[in-house]
Amino acid sequence: MTLVKRENGYAPLSQFFDDFLTRDLFDWPSFSNTNTTIPKVNIQETDNDFWVEMAAPGMKKEDFKIELDNELLTISSEVKHEHNEEEKGRYTRREFSYQSFQRSFRLPETVEEDKIKAKYEEGVLKLMIPKREEARRKPARTIKIS
């Protein structure tokens, strides 16, 4: 446990700048430029496949766009919401929002790109990326000594 000296209940300002300048870029929270969160992913490798799960509750499968360009897999989404309340042709209140994100992953050459499958259920986008036969783990076998 690290103890930090505090002045007036707050860490010194110089420590904030030190932390800001030395923190790993990938250690920051996943926020986009529009102050919305970028969905987190879980990537699991099994003997035969890779599984990608992206948490994106409240969306529909039509909101996603999944593209594969050579070995670059890109998952993106754009959602627009608009709510208007009018009073005799004039806006009394108009609220709209726009959310988008894009995540890209470089796939290994050992996957079967033509057999990638995706489904969206219960707020999670799931991709199954199968490995080529030659990349699959072979079961252990005993070698006879002659």
N, C-alpha and C. Protein backbone atom coordinates (compact mmCIF):
# COMPACT_ATOMS: atom_id res chain seq x y z
N MET A 1 0.85 -1.17 0.00
CA MET A 1 0.00 0.00 0.00
C MET A 1 0.90 1.23 0.00
N THR A 2 0.59 2.21 -0.83
CA THR A 2 1.36 3.43 -0.94
C THR A 2 0.64 4.55 -0.21
N LEU A 3 1.37 5.25 0.63
CA LEU A 3 0.80 6.39 1.32
C LEU A 3 1.13 7.65 0.55
N VAL A 4 0.15 8.54 0.43
CA VAL A 4 0.33 9.79 -0.29
C VAL A 4 0.05 10.93 0.66
N LYS A 5 0.99 11.86 0.75
CA LYS A 5 0.80 13.04 1.58
C LYS A 5 -0.22 13.95 0.90
N ARG A 6 -1.20 14.40 1.65
CA ARG A 6 -2.25 15.25 1.10
C ARG A 6 -2.20 16.62 1.76
N GLU A 7 -2.47 17.61 0.95
CA GLU A 7 -2.54 18.98 1.45
C GLU A 7 -3.99 19.43 1.30
N ASN A 8 -4.61 19.83 2.40
CA ASN A 8 -6.01 20.25 2.39
C ASN A 8 -6.93 19.15 1.85
N GLY A 9 -6.58 17.90 2.08
CA GLY A 9 -7.43 16.80 1.65
C GLY A 9 -7.24 16.38 0.20
N TYR A 10 -6.38 17.03 -0.55
CA TYR A 10 -6.17 16.70 -1.96
C TYR A 10 -4.70 16.40 -2.20
N ALA A 11 -4.43 15.54 -3.16
CA ALA A 11 -3.05 15.25 -3.53
C ALA A 11 -2.44 16.50 -4.14
N PRO A 12 -1.16 16.71 -3.96
CA PRO A 12 -0.53 17.90 -4.54
C PRO A 12 -0.71 17.96 -6.05
N LEU A 13 -0.84 19.18 -6.57
CA LEU A 13 -1.07 19.38 -7.99
C LEU A 13 0.08 18.81 -8.82
N SER A 14 1.30 18.92 -8.32
CA SER A 14 2.44 18.40 -9.08
C SER A 14 2.33 16.89 -9.27
N GLN A 15 1.77 16.20 -8.29
CA GLN A 15 1.61 14.75 -8.41
C GLN A 15 0.60 14.42 -9.51
N PHE A 16 -0.44 15.24 -9.62
CA PHE A 16 -1.42 15.03 -10.68
C PHE A 16 -0.76 15.10 -12.05
N PHE A 17 0.09 16.12 -12.26
CA PHE A 17 0.76 16.25 -13.55
C PHE A 17 1.77 15.13 -13.77
N ASP A 18 2.46 14.70 -12.71
CA ASP A 18 3.38 13.57 -12.84
C ASP A 18 2.62 12.33 -13.26
N ASP A 19 1.48 12.08 -12.63
CA ASP A 19 0.67 10.91 -12.96
C ASP A 19 0.14 11.02 -14.39
N PHE A 20 -0.29 12.21 -14.78
CA PHE A 20 -0.82 12.44 -16.12
C PHE A 20 0.24 12.17 -17.19
N LEU A 21 1.46 12.59 -16.95
CA LEU A 21 2.52 12.45 -17.95
C LEU A 21 3.14 11.07 -17.98
N THR A 22 3.04 10.31 -16.89
CA THR A 22 3.68 9.00 -16.86
C THR A 22 2.71 7.85 -17.04
N ARG A 23 1.42 8.10 -17.02
CA ARG A 23 0.43 7.02 -17.13
C ARG A 23 0.49 6.42 -18.53
N ASP A 24 0.37 5.11 -18.60
CA ASP A 24 0.35 4.40 -19.86
C ASP A 24 -0.88 4.80 -20.65
N LEU A 25 -0.72 5.04 -21.94
CA LEU A 25 -1.83 5.46 -22.79
C LEU A 25 -2.98 4.47 -22.74
N PHE A 26 -2.70 3.17 -22.67
CA PHE A 26 -3.75 2.17 -22.69
C PHE A 26 -4.36 1.95 -21.31
N ASP A 27 -3.90 2.67 -20.30
CA ASP A 27 -4.41 2.52 -18.95
C ASP A 27 -5.58 3.49 -18.69
N TRP A 28 -5.85 4.37 -19.64
CA TRP A 28 -6.92 5.34 -19.45
C TRP A 28 -8.26 4.67 -19.63
N PRO A 29 -9.32 5.23 -19.02
CA PRO A 29 -10.66 4.69 -19.26
C PRO A 29 -11.02 4.81 -20.73
N SER A 30 -11.94 3.98 -21.18
CA SER A 30 -12.33 3.97 -22.58
C SER A 30 -13.42 5.00 -22.84
N PHE A 31 -13.01 6.24 -23.08
CA PHE A 31 -13.97 7.29 -23.41
C PHE A 31 -13.67 7.80 -24.80
N SER A 32 -14.73 8.14 -25.54
CA SER A 32 -14.56 8.71 -26.87
C SER A 32 -14.50 10.22 -26.77
N ASN A 33 -14.34 10.88 -27.90
CA ASN A 33 -14.30 12.34 -27.92
C ASN A 33 -15.63 12.97 -27.56
N THR A 34 -16.71 12.20 -27.60
CA THR A 34 -18.03 12.74 -27.30
C THR A 34 -18.47 12.41 -25.88
N ASN A 35 -17.51 12.07 -25.01
CA ASN A 35 -17.76 11.75 -23.61
C ASN A 35 -18.68 10.55 -23.43
N THR A 36 -18.70 9.65 -24.38
CA THR A 36 -19.42 8.40 -24.24
C THR A 36 -18.40 7.29 -24.09
N THR A 37 -18.82 6.21 -23.48
CA THR A 37 -17.87 5.12 -23.30
C THR A 37 -17.77 4.28 -24.55
N ILE A 38 -16.60 3.73 -24.77
CA ILE A 38 -16.37 2.80 -25.87
C ILE A 38 -16.56 1.41 -25.30
N PRO A 39 -17.38 0.58 -25.94
CA PRO A 39 -17.64 -0.74 -25.37
C PRO A 39 -16.36 -1.55 -25.15
N LYS A 40 -16.30 -2.20 -24.01
CA LYS A 40 -15.17 -3.06 -23.67
C LYS A 40 -15.36 -4.41 -24.35
N VAL A 41 -14.26 -5.10 -24.58
CA VAL A 41 -14.33 -6.41 -25.21
C VAL A 41 -13.61 -7.45 -24.37
N ASN A 42 -14.08 -8.67 -24.47
CA ASN A 42 -13.39 -9.83 -23.95
C ASN A 42 -12.97 -10.65 -25.15
N ILE A 43 -11.72 -11.09 -25.17
CA ILE A 43 -11.22 -11.93 -26.26
C ILE A 43 -10.71 -13.22 -25.64
N GLN A 44 -11.26 -14.32 -26.11
CA GLN A 44 -10.89 -15.63 -25.58
C GLN A 44 -10.41 -16.51 -26.72
N GLU A 45 -9.33 -17.24 -26.48
CA GLU A 45 -8.82 -18.18 -27.47
C GLU A 45 -9.06 -19.59 -26.96
N THR A 46 -9.67 -20.42 -27.79
CA THR A 46 -9.84 -21.84 -27.49
C THR A 46 -8.96 -22.61 -28.48
N ASP A 47 -9.01 -23.92 -28.39
CA ASP A 47 -8.21 -24.73 -29.32
C ASP A 47 -8.62 -24.53 -30.77
N ASN A 48 -9.92 -24.28 -31.01
CA ASN A 48 -10.43 -24.20 -32.38
C ASN A 48 -10.84 -22.82 -32.85
N ASP A 49 -11.05 -21.87 -31.91
CA ASP A 49 -11.62 -20.57 -32.27
C ASP A 49 -11.05 -19.45 -31.42
N PHE A 50 -11.37 -18.23 -31.87
CA PHE A 50 -11.25 -17.03 -31.05
C PHE A 50 -12.67 -16.54 -30.83
N TRP A 51 -12.98 -16.06 -29.63
CA TRP A 51 -14.29 -15.49 -29.32
C TRP A 51 -14.10 -14.04 -28.90
N VAL A 52 -14.86 -13.15 -29.50
CA VAL A 52 -14.84 -11.74 -29.13
C VAL A 52 -16.23 -11.41 -28.61
N GLU A 53 -16.30 -10.87 -27.41
CA GLU A 53 -17.56 -10.43 -26.83
C GLU A 53 -17.46 -8.94 -26.53
N MET A 54 -18.43 -8.18 -27.02
CA MET A 54 -18.44 -6.73 -26.80
C MET A 54 -19.71 -6.36 -26.06
N ALA A 55 -19.55 -5.74 -24.90
CA ALA A 55 -20.70 -5.31 -24.10
C ALA A 55 -21.27 -4.03 -24.71
N ALA A 56 -22.51 -4.11 -25.18
CA ALA A 56 -23.17 -2.96 -25.79
C ALA A 56 -24.67 -3.02 -25.50
N PRO A 57 -25.05 -2.86 -24.22
CA PRO A 57 -26.47 -2.96 -23.88
C PRO A 57 -27.29 -1.82 -24.48
N GLY A 58 -28.56 -2.12 -24.74
CA GLY A 58 -29.47 -1.09 -25.24
C GLY A 58 -29.39 -0.85 -26.73
N MET A 59 -28.56 -1.59 -27.42
CA MET A 59 -28.44 -1.42 -28.86
C MET A 59 -29.20 -2.52 -29.57
N LYS A 60 -29.31 -2.40 -30.89
CA LYS A 60 -29.93 -3.41 -31.72
C LYS A 60 -28.87 -3.93 -32.69
N LYS A 61 -29.09 -5.13 -33.22
CA LYS A 61 -28.08 -5.68 -34.13
C LYS A 61 -27.91 -4.80 -35.37
N GLU A 62 -28.96 -4.06 -35.75
CA GLU A 62 -28.87 -3.17 -36.91
C GLU A 62 -27.95 -1.97 -36.65
N ASP A 63 -27.64 -1.70 -35.39
CA ASP A 63 -26.79 -0.55 -35.04
C ASP A 63 -25.31 -0.83 -35.31
N PHE A 64 -24.94 -2.09 -35.51
CA PHE A 64 -23.54 -2.46 -35.68
C PHE A 64 -23.16 -2.61 -37.14
N LYS A 65 -21.91 -2.33 -37.41
CA LYS A 65 -21.32 -2.58 -38.72
C LYS A 65 -20.00 -3.32 -38.46
N ILE A 66 -19.86 -4.50 -39.05
CA ILE A 66 -18.65 -5.30 -38.86
C ILE A 66 -18.01 -5.48 -40.23
N GLU A 67 -16.76 -5.05 -40.36
CA GLU A 67 -16.04 -5.13 -41.63
C GLU A 67 -14.72 -5.87 -41.43
N LEU A 68 -14.31 -6.57 -42.47
CA LEU A 68 -13.02 -7.25 -42.47
C LEU A 68 -12.27 -6.80 -43.71
N ASP A 69 -11.15 -6.14 -43.51
CA ASP A 69 -10.30 -5.66 -44.60
C ASP A 69 -8.93 -6.30 -44.41
N ASN A 70 -8.65 -7.31 -45.23
CA ASN A 70 -7.48 -8.17 -45.04
C ASN A 70 -7.55 -8.77 -43.65
N GLU A 71 -6.59 -8.52 -42.78
CA GLU A 71 -6.64 -9.09 -41.42
C GLU A 71 -7.18 -8.09 -40.39
N LEU A 72 -7.70 -6.94 -40.81
CA LEU A 72 -8.18 -5.93 -39.88
C LEU A 72 -9.69 -6.04 -39.72
N LEU A 73 -10.12 -6.47 -38.53
CA LEU A 73 -11.54 -6.59 -38.20
C LEU A 73 -11.96 -5.31 -37.50
N THR A 74 -12.99 -4.64 -38.02
CA THR A 74 -13.47 -3.38 -37.45
C THR A 74 -14.93 -3.51 -37.08
N ILE A 75 -15.23 -3.19 -35.82
CA ILE A 75 -16.60 -3.16 -35.33
C ILE A 75 -16.93 -1.70 -35.04
N SER A 76 -18.01 -1.21 -35.64
CA SER A 76 -18.38 0.20 -35.44
C SER A 76 -19.88 0.32 -35.28
N SER A 77 -20.29 1.48 -34.80
CA SER A 77 -21.71 1.75 -34.61
C SER A 77 -21.95 3.25 -34.65
N GLU A 78 -23.09 3.64 -35.20
CA GLU A 78 -23.56 5.02 -35.18
C GLU A 78 -25.03 5.00 -34.82
N VAL A 79 -25.39 5.70 -33.75
CA VAL A 79 -26.78 5.75 -33.30
C VAL A 79 -27.16 7.21 -33.11
N LYS A 80 -28.29 7.59 -33.69
CA LYS A 80 -28.80 8.96 -33.54
C LYS A 80 -30.14 8.90 -32.85
N HIS A 81 -30.33 9.75 -31.86
CA HIS A 81 -31.61 9.86 -31.16
C HIS A 81 -32.07 11.31 -31.24
N GLU A 82 -33.35 11.51 -31.52
CA GLU A 82 -33.88 12.87 -31.58
C GLU A 82 -35.25 12.89 -30.92
N HIS A 83 -35.45 13.89 -30.09
CA HIS A 83 -36.72 14.06 -29.38
C HIS A 83 -37.12 15.53 -29.50
N ASN A 84 -38.30 15.77 -30.06
CA ASN A 84 -38.79 17.14 -30.24
C ASN A 84 -40.11 17.33 -29.50
N GLU A 85 -40.25 18.46 -28.88
CA GLU A 85 -41.53 18.88 -28.32
C GLU A 85 -41.82 20.24 -28.93
N GLU A 86 -42.87 20.31 -29.73
CA GLU A 86 -43.20 21.56 -30.41
C GLU A 86 -44.46 22.17 -29.83
N GLU A 87 -44.48 23.49 -29.87
CA GLU A 87 -45.66 24.23 -29.44
C GLU A 87 -46.00 25.22 -30.56
N LYS A 88 -47.02 24.87 -31.35
CA LYS A 88 -47.50 25.71 -32.46
C LYS A 88 -46.37 26.10 -33.41
N GLY A 89 -45.61 25.09 -33.87
CA GLY A 89 -44.58 25.35 -34.87
C GLY A 89 -43.25 25.83 -34.32
N ARG A 90 -43.18 26.12 -33.04
CA ARG A 90 -41.91 26.56 -32.45
C ARG A 90 -41.43 25.46 -31.52
N TYR A 91 -40.13 25.35 -31.42
CA TYR A 91 -39.57 24.38 -30.50
C TYR A 91 -39.64 24.93 -29.08
N THR A 92 -40.22 24.18 -28.18
CA THR A 92 -40.10 24.52 -26.77
C THR A 92 -38.95 23.75 -26.15
N ARG A 93 -38.70 22.59 -26.72
CA ARG A 93 -37.55 21.80 -26.30
C ARG A 93 -37.19 20.86 -27.44
N ARG A 94 -35.91 20.76 -27.71
CA ARG A 94 -35.43 19.84 -28.75
C ARG A 94 -34.15 19.22 -28.23
N GLU A 95 -34.17 17.91 -28.08
CA GLU A 95 -32.99 17.20 -27.60
C GLU A 95 -32.61 16.14 -28.61
N PHE A 96 -31.34 16.08 -28.91
CA PHE A 96 -30.87 15.02 -29.80
C PHE A 96 -29.47 14.61 -29.34
N SER A 97 -29.14 13.38 -29.63
CA SER A 97 -27.82 12.87 -29.28
C SER A 97 -27.30 12.03 -30.43
N TYR A 98 -26.01 11.88 -30.45
CA TYR A 98 -25.34 11.13 -31.49
C TYR A 98 -24.22 10.35 -30.82
N GLN A 99 -24.25 9.04 -30.96
CA GLN A 99 -23.20 8.21 -30.38
C GLN A 99 -22.57 7.38 -31.48
N SER A 100 -21.27 7.25 -31.41
CA SER A 100 -20.59 6.37 -32.35
C SER A 100 -19.32 5.84 -31.69
N PHE A 101 -18.88 4.71 -32.15
CA PHE A 101 -17.61 4.15 -31.73
C PHE A 101 -17.07 3.28 -32.83
N GLN A 102 -15.79 2.98 -32.72
CA GLN A 102 -15.13 2.08 -33.66
C GLN A 102 -14.00 1.38 -32.93
N ARG A 103 -13.97 0.07 -33.01
CA ARG A 103 -12.89 -0.74 -32.45
C ARG A 103 -12.32 -1.60 -33.56
N SER A 104 -11.01 -1.69 -33.66
CA SER A 104 -10.36 -2.49 -34.69
C SER A 104 -9.40 -3.47 -34.05
N PHE A 105 -9.31 -4.65 -34.67
CA PHE A 105 -8.44 -5.72 -34.18
C PHE A 105 -7.73 -6.36 -35.36
N ARG A 106 -6.43 -6.57 -35.23
CA ARG A 106 -5.67 -7.26 -36.27
C ARG A 106 -5.77 -8.75 -36.00
N LEU A 107 -6.32 -9.49 -36.96
CA LEU A 107 -6.49 -10.93 -36.81
C LEU A 107 -5.22 -11.65 -37.24
N PRO A 108 -4.91 -12.77 -36.61
CA PRO A 108 -3.75 -13.54 -37.06
C PRO A 108 -4.05 -14.20 -38.41
N GLU A 109 -3.02 -14.56 -39.13
CA GLU A 109 -3.19 -15.19 -40.44
C GLU A 109 -3.77 -16.59 -40.32
N THR A 110 -3.85 -17.13 -39.12
CA THR A 110 -4.29 -18.50 -38.91
C THR A 110 -5.80 -18.65 -38.78
N VAL A 111 -6.58 -17.60 -39.05
CA VAL A 111 -8.05 -17.70 -38.92
C VAL A 111 -8.69 -17.91 -40.29
N GLU A 112 -9.87 -18.50 -40.27
CA GLU A 112 -10.66 -18.69 -41.49
C GLU A 112 -11.59 -17.49 -41.63
N GLU A 113 -11.16 -16.50 -42.38
CA GLU A 113 -11.89 -15.24 -42.50
C GLU A 113 -13.29 -15.42 -43.07
N ASP A 114 -13.48 -16.39 -43.93
CA ASP A 114 -14.79 -16.60 -44.58
C ASP A 114 -15.81 -17.24 -43.66
N LYS A 115 -15.40 -17.73 -42.50
CA LYS A 115 -16.32 -18.44 -41.62
C LYS A 115 -16.60 -17.70 -40.31
N ILE A 116 -16.29 -16.41 -40.25
CA ILE A 116 -16.56 -15.61 -39.06
C ILE A 116 -18.07 -15.43 -38.91
N LYS A 117 -18.57 -15.62 -37.69
CA LYS A 117 -20.00 -15.47 -37.42
C LYS A 117 -20.19 -14.46 -36.30
N ALA A 118 -21.29 -13.72 -36.36
CA ALA A 118 -21.60 -12.73 -35.32
C ALA A 118 -23.07 -12.82 -34.95
N LYS A 119 -23.34 -12.58 -33.65
CA LYS A 119 -24.72 -12.48 -33.19
C LYS A 119 -24.77 -11.51 -32.02
N TYR A 120 -25.95 -10.91 -31.84
CA TYR A 120 -26.16 -9.95 -30.76
C TYR A 120 -27.31 -10.45 -29.91
N GLU A 121 -27.04 -10.69 -28.63
CA GLU A 121 -28.08 -11.15 -27.73
C GLU A 121 -27.82 -10.65 -26.32
N GLU A 122 -28.90 -10.23 -25.67
CA GLU A 122 -28.86 -9.78 -24.28
C GLU A 122 -27.77 -8.73 -24.02
N GLY A 123 -27.63 -7.78 -24.95
CA GLY A 123 -26.70 -6.68 -24.76
C GLY A 123 -25.25 -6.98 -25.06
N VAL A 124 -24.96 -8.14 -25.63
CA VAL A 124 -23.58 -8.52 -25.93
C VAL A 124 -23.47 -8.93 -27.39
N LEU A 125 -22.54 -8.29 -28.11
CA LEU A 125 -22.22 -8.68 -29.48
C LEU A 125 -21.16 -9.76 -29.39
N LYS A 126 -21.42 -10.92 -30.01
CA LYS A 126 -20.49 -12.06 -29.93
C LYS A 126 -20.03 -12.43 -31.33
N LEU A 127 -18.71 -12.55 -31.49
CA LEU A 127 -18.13 -12.99 -32.75
C LEU A 127 -17.36 -14.28 -32.51
N MET A 128 -17.56 -15.25 -33.39
CA MET A 128 -16.81 -16.49 -33.36
C MET A 128 -15.90 -16.48 -34.59
N ILE A 129 -14.61 -16.55 -34.33
CA ILE A 129 -13.62 -16.49 -35.40
C ILE A 129 -12.87 -17.82 -35.40
N PRO A 130 -13.20 -18.72 -36.34
CA PRO A 130 -12.56 -20.04 -36.32
C PRO A 130 -11.12 -20.01 -36.81
N LYS A 131 -10.34 -20.92 -36.27
CA LYS A 131 -8.95 -21.08 -36.71
C LYS A 131 -8.90 -22.04 -37.89
N ARG A 132 -7.88 -21.90 -38.70
CA ARG A 132 -7.65 -22.85 -39.78
C ARG A 132 -7.26 -24.19 -39.19
N GLU A 133 -7.49 -25.23 -39.94
CA GLU A 133 -7.21 -26.59 -39.46
C GLU A 133 -5.75 -26.74 -39.01
N GLU A 134 -4.82 -26.18 -39.77
CA GLU A 134 -3.40 -26.33 -39.43
C GLU A 134 -3.01 -25.55 -38.16
N ALA A 135 -3.84 -24.60 -37.75
CA ALA A 135 -3.54 -23.81 -36.55
C ALA A 135 -4.19 -24.38 -35.30
N ARG A 136 -5.08 -25.33 -35.49
CA ARG A 136 -5.77 -25.91 -34.33
C ARG A 136 -4.83 -26.82 -33.55
N ARG A 137 -5.04 -26.81 -32.26
CA ARG A 137 -4.22 -27.64 -31.39
C ARG A 137 -4.59 -29.11 -31.62
N LYS A 138 -3.57 -29.90 -31.80
CA LYS A 138 -3.78 -31.33 -32.01
C LYS A 138 -3.71 -32.04 -30.67
N PRO A 139 -4.50 -33.09 -30.51
CA PRO A 139 -4.48 -33.82 -29.23
C PRO A 139 -3.12 -34.48 -29.00
N ALA A 140 -2.80 -34.65 -27.74
CA ALA A 140 -1.53 -35.30 -27.37
C ALA A 140 -1.55 -36.75 -27.85
N ARG A 141 -0.42 -37.25 -28.24
CA ARG A 141 -0.31 -38.65 -28.65
C ARG A 141 1.00 -39.22 -28.13
N THR A 142 1.01 -40.50 -28.00
CA THR A 142 2.21 -41.20 -27.53
C THR A 142 3.01 -41.65 -28.73
N ILE A 143 4.30 -41.41 -28.66
CA ILE A 143 5.20 -41.82 -29.74
C ILE A 143 5.93 -43.06 -29.29
N LYS A 144 5.82 -44.11 -30.09
CA LYS A 144 6.43 -45.38 -29.75
C LYS A 144 7.90 -45.32 -30.07
N ILE A 145 8.69 -45.83 -29.19
CA ILE A 145 10.14 -45.86 -29.38
C ILE A 145 10.49 -47.18 -30.06
N SER A 146 11.26 -47.11 -31.14
CA SER A 146 11.62 -48.35 -31.86
C SER A 146 12.99 -48.83 -31.47
